[in-house]
C-alpha cells in the first residue's frame, strides 16, 4: 500500500520561502510519477508541479520561476522548494503518486489509482 507523508508546511510572510517534503513508502519510487497539488478553501484542487518517472518536469504557470520540484530516489522523497511566496499561495499542499499507464506511459493523476498524502498547510501573510 502506497503511503505519502508531507511535511514542511508553515506560516510565512510574503516573499518568504518554504521547502515541502513528501516521504513515500510502499512503492517502487522510480517507477512512479510524482506531483504536488494544492487546494484552498472553496476552490478545486489544482496541480502545482509534477516530475514523471522519466524525469520530465512540468510546472503550473502561476509557480514558474518561483517553485522547484525534485525527487531523491535514495530517500524515496519528493521535494518542493517554494520561493517568493505570495498570499495567494496559501493552501493545503498535497503530494500525489501515480503510475504510468500501460502502453502510453502517461500519468494522468486522475482516478482511484492515484495515491494522496494527508496534506500540509502553507499560509502566506502579506
C-alpha atoms as a PDB file:
ATOM      1  CA  UNK A   1       0.000   0.000   0.000  1.00  0.00           C
ATOM      2  CA  UNK A   2       1.370   3.376  -1.028  1.00  0.00           C
ATOM      3  CA  UNK A   3       1.820   5.866   1.784  1.00  0.00           C
ATOM      4  CA  UNK A   4       2.729   9.511   1.324  1.00  0.00           C
ATOM      5  CA  UNK A   5       3.520  11.800   4.242  1.00  0.00           C
ATOM      6  CA  UNK A   6       4.030  15.511   3.644  1.00  0.00           C
ATOM      7  CA  UNK A   7       5.951  17.859   5.906  1.00  0.00           C
ATOM      8  CA  UNK A   8       7.363  21.366   5.868  1.00  0.00           C
ATOM      9  CA  UNK A   9       4.207  23.457   5.822  1.00  0.00           C
ATOM     10  CA  UNK A  10       4.299  26.631   7.893  1.00  0.00           C
ATOM     11  CA  UNK A  11       3.218  30.252   8.136  1.00  0.00           C
ATOM     12  CA  UNK A  12       5.488  32.756   6.413  1.00  0.00           C
ATOM     13  CA  UNK A  13       5.372  36.331   5.254  1.00  0.00           C
ATOM     14  CA  UNK A  14       5.038  37.355   1.640  1.00  0.00           C
ATOM     15  CA  UNK A  15       8.357  36.960  -0.142  1.00  0.00           C
ATOM     16  CA  UNK A  16       9.478  34.137   2.117  1.00  0.00           C
ATOM     17  CA  UNK A  17      10.481  30.578   1.284  1.00  0.00           C
ATOM     18  CA  UNK A  18       9.483  27.106   2.355  1.00  0.00           C
ATOM     19  CA  UNK A  19      10.591  23.609   1.436  1.00  0.00           C
ATOM     20  CA  UNK A  20       7.988  20.880   1.432  1.00  0.00           C
ATOM     21  CA  UNK A  21       8.896  17.207   1.543  1.00  0.00           C
ATOM     22  CA  UNK A  22       6.921  14.061   0.888  1.00  0.00           C
ATOM     23  CA  UNK A  23       8.154  10.742   2.237  1.00  0.00           C
ATOM     24  CA  UNK A  24       6.921   7.869   0.088  1.00  0.00           C
ATOM     25  CA  UNK A  25       6.702   4.194   1.019  1.00  0.00           C
ATOM     26  CA  UNK A  26       5.061   1.069  -0.344  1.00  0.00           C
ATOM     27  CA  UNK A  27       6.028   1.789  -3.937  1.00  0.00           C
ATOM     28  CA  UNK A  28       8.897   1.479  -6.355  1.00  0.00           C
ATOM     29  CA  UNK A  29       9.632   5.172  -6.219  1.00  0.00           C
ATOM     30  CA  UNK A  30      11.464   5.498  -9.536  1.00  0.00           C
ATOM     31  CA  UNK A  31       8.568   3.865 -11.378  1.00  0.00           C
ATOM     32  CA  UNK A  32       6.006   6.446 -10.332  1.00  0.00           C
ATOM     33  CA  UNK A  33       5.154   9.924 -11.475  1.00  0.00           C
ATOM     34  CA  UNK A  34       5.068  12.286  -8.511  1.00  0.00           C
ATOM     35  CA  UNK A  35       3.347  15.615  -8.143  1.00  0.00           C
ATOM     36  CA  UNK A  36       2.338  18.413  -5.827  1.00  0.00           C
ATOM     37  CA  UNK A  37      -1.212  19.719  -5.792  1.00  0.00           C
ATOM     38  CA  UNK A  38      -2.795  22.401  -3.666  1.00  0.00           C
ATOM     39  CA  UNK A  39      -6.263  23.329  -2.522  1.00  0.00           C
ATOM     40  CA  UNK A  40      -7.610  26.494  -0.934  1.00  0.00           C
ATOM     41  CA  UNK A  41     -10.970  26.710   0.849  1.00  0.00           C
ATOM     42  CA  UNK A  42     -13.781  26.940  -1.670  1.00  0.00           C
ATOM     43  CA  UNK A  43     -11.537  26.120  -4.604  1.00  0.00           C
ATOM     44  CA  UNK A  44     -10.819  22.971  -6.551  1.00  0.00           C
ATOM     45  CA  UNK A  45      -7.577  21.105  -6.102  1.00  0.00           C
ATOM     46  CA  UNK A  46      -5.027  22.274  -8.660  1.00  0.00           C
ATOM     47  CA  UNK A  47      -1.762  20.873  -9.929  1.00  0.00           C
ATOM     48  CA  UNK A  48       1.341  22.789  -8.904  1.00  0.00           C
ATOM     49  CA  UNK A  49       4.230  20.750 -10.279  1.00  0.00           C
ATOM     50  CA  UNK A  50       4.996  17.226 -11.400  1.00  0.00           C
ATOM     51  CA  UNK A  51       8.042  15.118 -12.062  1.00  0.00           C
ATOM     52  CA  UNK A  52       7.490  11.992 -14.100  1.00  0.00           C
ATOM     53  CA  UNK A  53       9.189   8.611 -13.903  1.00  0.00           C
ATOM     54  CA  UNK A  54      11.400   9.639 -16.829  1.00  0.00           C
ATOM     55  CA  UNK A  55      12.458  12.837 -15.037  1.00  0.00           C
ATOM     56  CA  UNK A  56      10.323  15.216 -17.105  1.00  0.00           C
ATOM     57  CA  UNK A  57       9.187  18.214 -15.065  1.00  0.00           C
ATOM     58  CA  UNK A  58       6.211  20.499 -15.546  1.00  0.00           C
ATOM     59  CA  UNK A  59       5.016  23.500 -13.560  1.00  0.00           C
ATOM     60  CA  UNK A  60       1.782  25.392 -13.383  1.00  0.00           C
ATOM     61  CA  UNK A  61       2.170  28.853 -14.899  1.00  0.00           C
ATOM     62  CA  UNK A  62       1.469  30.512 -11.574  1.00  0.00           C
ATOM     63  CA  UNK A  63       4.583  28.988  -9.939  1.00  0.00           C
ATOM     64  CA  UNK A  64       7.070  29.043 -12.802  1.00  0.00           C
ATOM     65  CA  UNK A  65      10.302  30.676 -11.755  1.00  0.00           C
ATOM     66  CA  UNK A  66       9.381  30.528  -8.060  1.00  0.00           C
ATOM     67  CA  UNK A  67       8.930  26.835  -7.230  1.00  0.00           C
ATOM     68  CA  UNK A  68      11.224  23.917  -7.923  1.00  0.00           C
ATOM     69  CA  UNK A  69      10.278  20.237  -7.716  1.00  0.00           C
ATOM     70  CA  UNK A  70      12.805  17.462  -7.193  1.00  0.00           C
ATOM     71  CA  UNK A  71      12.915  13.819  -6.209  1.00  0.00           C
ATOM     72  CA  UNK A  72      15.502  11.908  -4.225  1.00  0.00           C
ATOM     73  CA  UNK A  73      15.358   8.237  -5.168  1.00  0.00           C
ATOM     74  CA  UNK A  74      17.835   7.253  -2.451  1.00  0.00           C
ATOM     75  CA  UNK A  75      15.467   8.614   0.201  1.00  0.00           C
ATOM     76  CA  UNK A  76      12.150   7.975  -1.567  1.00  0.00           C
ATOM     77  CA  UNK A  77      11.389  11.644  -1.094  1.00  0.00           C
ATOM     78  CA  UNK A  78       9.688  14.268  -3.212  1.00  0.00           C
ATOM     79  CA  UNK A  79      10.536  17.907  -2.532  1.00  0.00           C
ATOM     80  CA  UNK A  80       9.083  21.270  -3.424  1.00  0.00           C
ATOM     81  CA  UNK A  81      11.217  24.364  -2.912  1.00  0.00           C
ATOM     82  CA  UNK A  82       8.951  27.399  -2.810  1.00  0.00           C
ATOM     83  CA  UNK A  83      10.467  30.873  -3.103  1.00  0.00           C
ATOM     84  CA  UNK A  84       8.935  34.332  -3.399  1.00  0.00           C
ATOM     85  CA  UNK A  85       5.771  33.120  -1.730  1.00  0.00           C
ATOM     86  CA  UNK A  86       2.671  35.237  -2.096  1.00  0.00           C
ATOM     87  CA  UNK A  87      -0.609  35.323  -0.152  1.00  0.00           C
ATOM     88  CA  UNK A  88      -2.421  33.532  -2.976  1.00  0.00           C
ATOM     89  CA  UNK A  89      -0.069  30.574  -2.486  1.00  0.00           C
ATOM     90  CA  UNK A  90      -1.886  29.939   0.794  1.00  0.00           C
ATOM     91  CA  UNK A  91      -3.341  26.436   0.579  1.00  0.00           C
ATOM     92  CA  UNK A  92      -3.077  22.883   1.748  1.00  0.00           C
ATOM     93  CA  UNK A  93      -0.408  21.192  -0.338  1.00  0.00           C
ATOM     94  CA  UNK A  94      -0.755  17.535  -1.236  1.00  0.00           C
ATOM     95  CA  UNK A  95       1.731  15.028  -2.536  1.00  0.00           C
ATOM     96  CA  UNK A  96       0.464  12.567  -5.144  1.00  0.00           C
ATOM     97  CA  UNK A  97       1.800   9.420  -6.786  1.00  0.00           C
ATOM     98  CA  UNK A  98       0.556   7.856  -9.999  1.00  0.00           C
ATOM     99  CA  UNK A  99       1.755   5.000 -12.144  1.00  0.00           C
ATOM    100  CA  UNK A 100       2.320   5.372 -15.874  1.00  0.00           C
ATOM    101  CA  UNK A 101      -0.484   3.757 -17.851  1.00  0.00           C
ATOM    102  CA  UNK A 102       0.389   0.623 -19.833  1.00  0.00           C
ATOM    103  CA  UNK A 103       1.332   1.257 -23.463  1.00  0.00           C
ATOM    104  CA  UNK A 104       1.059   5.066 -23.303  1.00  0.00           C
ATOM    105  CA  UNK A 105       3.356   5.538 -20.320  1.00  0.00           C
ATOM    106  CA  UNK A 106       1.355   8.630 -19.375  1.00  0.00           C
ATOM    107  CA  UNK A 107       0.412   9.574 -15.809  1.00  0.00           C
ATOM    108  CA  UNK A 108      -2.907  11.368 -15.588  1.00  0.00           C
ATOM    109  CA  UNK A 109      -3.198  11.905 -11.827  1.00  0.00           C
ATOM    110  CA  UNK A 110      -6.877  11.069 -12.060  1.00  0.00           C
ATOM    111  CA  UNK A 111      -8.956   8.212 -10.747  1.00  0.00           C
ATOM    112  CA  UNK A 112      -8.751   5.678  -7.991  1.00  0.00           C
ATOM    113  CA  UNK A 113      -5.199   4.572  -8.727  1.00  0.00           C
ATOM    114  CA  UNK A 114      -3.727   7.876  -7.581  1.00  0.00           C
ATOM    115  CA  UNK A 115      -2.314   7.893  -4.058  1.00  0.00           C
ATOM    116  CA  UNK A 116      -2.544  11.049  -1.960  1.00  0.00           C
ATOM    117  CA  UNK A 117      -0.908  12.304   1.191  1.00  0.00           C
ATOM    118  CA  UNK A 118      -2.815  13.939   4.019  1.00  0.00           C
ATOM    119  CA  UNK A 119      -1.619  17.432   3.125  1.00  0.00           C
ATOM    120  CA  UNK A 120       0.461  20.129   4.777  1.00  0.00           C
ATOM    121  CA  UNK A 121      -0.739  23.683   5.357  1.00  0.00           C
ATOM    122  CA  UNK A 122       1.081  26.658   3.860  1.00  0.00           C
ATOM    123  CA  UNK A 123      -0.041  30.111   4.948  1.00  0.00           C
ATOM    124  CA  UNK A 124       1.456  33.257   3.451  1.00  0.00           C
ATOM    125  CA  UNK A 125       0.628  36.592   5.046  1.00  0.00           C
ATOM    126  CA  UNK A 126       1.023  39.985   3.408  1.00  0.00           C
END
